[in-house]
Amino acid sequence: MPKYFDFKVCGYFLYFTSHCVIEAMHVHASDRRLTEAGSAKLFVRGNGDTEVKVRGILTDKELRIIRDFIKDNYKEMYIRWTEMSRKGFYEG
């Protein structure tokens, strides 16, 4: 599973899977197991804003920190996304 970064943000890896690339750009936030069980799923818009589709086990504080991190780093993350997907940012 490709990780956007090799480090954790607020205790969670930010990643996507090869099955994900048929959808618009999004980010899963999961612990060390990198499973979708309990993970959050956030779709990323072209301005870095996110729409939470699945909250997972994240607290409000953790979710806010991760959303802020994505907002600050979405362009770099998008480069990683486009290495495997032709789908762009979320527009829904």
C-alpha atoms as a PDB file:
ATOM      1  CA  MET A   1       0.000   0.000   0.000  1.00  0.00           C
ATOM      2  CA  PRO A   2       1.538   3.287  -1.030  1.00  0.00           C
ATOM      3  CA  LYS A   3       2.011   5.688   1.851  1.00  0.00           C
ATOM      4  CA  TYR A   4       2.013   9.392   1.144  1.00  0.00           C
ATOM      5  CA  PHE A   5       4.822   9.761   3.708  1.00  0.00           C
ATOM      6  CA  ASP A   6       6.953   7.293   5.665  1.00  0.00           C
ATOM      7  CA  PHE A   7       6.091   8.940   8.979  1.00  0.00           C
ATOM      8  CA  LYS A   8       2.879   8.983  10.985  1.00  0.00           C
ATOM      9  CA  VAL A   9       0.690  12.035  11.436  1.00  0.00           C
ATOM     10  CA  CYS A  10      -0.973  12.103  14.832  1.00  0.00           C
ATOM     11  CA  GLY A  11      -0.220   8.390  15.220  1.00  0.00           C
ATOM     12  CA  TYR A  12      -1.612   7.366  11.812  1.00  0.00           C
ATOM     13  CA  PHE A  13      -0.091   6.526   8.441  1.00  0.00           C
ATOM     14  CA  LEU A  14      -1.649   8.333   5.479  1.00  0.00           C
ATOM     15  CA  TYR A  15      -1.972   5.993   2.508  1.00  0.00           C
ATOM     16  CA  PHE A  16      -4.059   4.648  -0.360  1.00  0.00           C
ATOM     17  CA  THR A  17      -4.369   1.207  -1.930  1.00  0.00           C
ATOM     18  CA  SER A  18      -4.145  -0.065  -5.481  1.00  0.00           C
ATOM     19  CA  HIS A  19      -7.910  -0.602  -5.311  1.00  0.00           C
ATOM     20  CA  CYS A  20      -8.417   3.085  -4.452  1.00  0.00           C
ATOM     21  CA  VAL A  21      -7.053   4.576  -7.648  1.00  0.00           C
ATOM     22  CA  ILE A  22     -10.371   4.252  -9.490  1.00  0.00           C
ATOM     23  CA  GLU A  23     -11.803   6.979  -7.244  1.00  0.00           C
ATOM     24  CA  ALA A  24     -10.876  10.636  -6.873  1.00  0.00           C
ATOM     25  CA  MET A  25      -7.845  11.444  -4.740  1.00  0.00           C
ATOM     26  CA  HIS A  26      -8.339  10.474  -1.141  1.00  0.00           C
ATOM     27  CA  VAL A  27      -6.418   9.554   1.960  1.00  0.00           C
ATOM     28  CA  HIS A  28      -6.832   6.696   4.396  1.00  0.00           C
ATOM     29  CA  ALA A  29      -5.555   7.289   7.919  1.00  0.00           C
ATOM     30  CA  SER A  30      -4.720   4.067   9.736  1.00  0.00           C
ATOM     31  CA  ASP A  31      -2.479   2.735  12.462  1.00  0.00           C
ATOM     32  CA  ARG A  32       0.513   0.495  11.840  1.00  0.00           C
ATOM     33  CA  ARG A  33      -1.605  -2.365  10.435  1.00  0.00           C
ATOM     34  CA  LEU A  34      -2.661  -0.292   7.406  1.00  0.00           C
ATOM     35  CA  THR A  35      -6.086  -1.893   7.282  1.00  0.00           C
ATOM     36  CA  GLU A  36      -9.322  -0.155   6.392  1.00  0.00           C
ATOM     37  CA  ALA A  37     -10.970  -1.505   9.554  1.00  0.00           C
ATOM     38  CA  GLY A  38     -11.134   1.503  11.864  1.00  0.00           C
ATOM     39  CA  SER A  39      -9.348   3.771   9.400  1.00  0.00           C
ATOM     40  CA  ALA A  40     -10.616   7.138   8.252  1.00  0.00           C
ATOM     41  CA  LYS A  41     -11.191   8.013   4.593  1.00  0.00           C
ATOM     42  CA  LEU A  42     -10.939  11.612   3.441  1.00  0.00           C
ATOM     43  CA  PHE A  43     -11.482  12.829  -0.110  1.00  0.00           C
ATOM     44  CA  VAL A  44      -9.236  15.730  -1.152  1.00  0.00           C
ATOM     45  CA  ARG A  45     -10.447  18.721  -3.158  1.00  0.00           C
ATOM     46  CA  GLY A  46      -8.306  20.794  -5.521  1.00  0.00           C
ATOM     47  CA  ASN A  47      -7.720  23.448  -2.844  1.00  0.00           C
ATOM     48  CA  GLY A  48      -6.639  20.936  -0.184  1.00  0.00           C
ATOM     49  CA  ASP A  49      -9.924  20.914   1.714  1.00  0.00           C
ATOM     50  CA  THR A  50     -11.123  17.455   2.698  1.00  0.00           C
ATOM     51  CA  GLU A  51     -14.468  15.735   2.940  1.00  0.00           C
ATOM     52  CA  VAL A  52     -14.626  13.004   5.539  1.00  0.00           C
ATOM     53  CA  LYS A  53     -16.342   9.936   4.081  1.00  0.00           C
ATOM     54  CA  VAL A  54     -15.455   7.544   6.911  1.00  0.00           C
ATOM     55  CA  ARG A  55     -14.399   8.753  10.336  1.00  0.00           C
ATOM     56  CA  GLY A  56     -13.005   5.464  11.596  1.00  0.00           C
ATOM     57  CA  ILE A  57     -11.742   5.480  15.164  1.00  0.00           C
ATOM     58  CA  LEU A  58     -10.191   8.947  15.001  1.00  0.00           C
ATOM     59  CA  THR A  59     -11.074  11.466  17.673  1.00  0.00           C
ATOM     60  CA  ASP A  60     -12.184  14.986  16.741  1.00  0.00           C
ATOM     61  CA  LYS A  61      -8.717  16.290  17.621  1.00  0.00           C
ATOM     62  CA  GLU A  62      -6.898  13.635  15.553  1.00  0.00           C
ATOM     63  CA  LEU A  63      -9.195  14.241  12.595  1.00  0.00           C
ATOM     64  CA  ARG A  64      -8.623  18.004  12.792  1.00  0.00           C
ATOM     65  CA  ILE A  65      -4.831  17.572  12.917  1.00  0.00           C
ATOM     66  CA  ILE A  66      -4.854  15.194   9.943  1.00  0.00           C
ATOM     67  CA  ARG A  67      -7.150  17.469   7.923  1.00  0.00           C
ATOM     68  CA  ASP A  68      -4.858  20.431   8.643  1.00  0.00           C
ATOM     69  CA  PHE A  69      -1.822  18.352   7.632  1.00  0.00           C
ATOM     70  CA  ILE A  70      -3.472  17.355   4.351  1.00  0.00           C
ATOM     71  CA  LYS A  71      -4.389  20.991   3.661  1.00  0.00           C
ATOM     72  CA  ASP A  72      -0.741  21.993   4.147  1.00  0.00           C
ATOM     73  CA  ASN A  73       0.708  19.104   2.101  1.00  0.00           C
ATOM     74  CA  TYR A  74      -1.923  18.130  -0.486  1.00  0.00           C
ATOM     75  CA  LYS A  75       0.112  19.229  -3.510  1.00  0.00           C
ATOM     76  CA  GLU A  76       3.011  16.975  -2.555  1.00  0.00           C
ATOM     77  CA  MET A  77       0.553  14.176  -1.766  1.00  0.00           C
ATOM     78  CA  TYR A  78      -1.136  14.648  -5.151  1.00  0.00           C
ATOM     79  CA  ILE A  79       2.166  13.991  -6.919  1.00  0.00           C
ATOM     80  CA  ARG A  80       2.378  10.625  -5.146  1.00  0.00           C
ATOM     81  CA  TRP A  81      -1.272   9.887  -6.030  1.00  0.00           C
ATOM     82  CA  THR A  82      -0.730  10.602  -9.743  1.00  0.00           C
ATOM     83  CA  GLU A  83       2.080   8.052  -9.890  1.00  0.00           C
ATOM     84  CA  MET A  84      -0.639   5.384  -9.738  1.00  0.00           C
ATOM     85  CA  SER A  85      -3.901   7.052 -10.734  1.00  0.00           C
ATOM     86  CA  ARG A  86      -5.295   9.200 -13.523  1.00  0.00           C
ATOM     87  CA  LYS A  87      -8.189  10.334 -11.319  1.00  0.00           C
ATOM     88  CA  GLY A  88      -7.924  13.885 -10.044  1.00  0.00           C
ATOM     89  CA  PHE A  89      -9.176  15.748  -7.030  1.00  0.00           C
ATOM     90  CA  TYR A  90     -12.574  15.174  -5.468  1.00  0.00           C
ATOM     91  CA  GLU A  91     -15.315  17.353  -6.950  1.00  0.00           C
ATOM     92  CA  GLY A  92     -18.450  15.797  -5.424  1.00  0.00           C
END
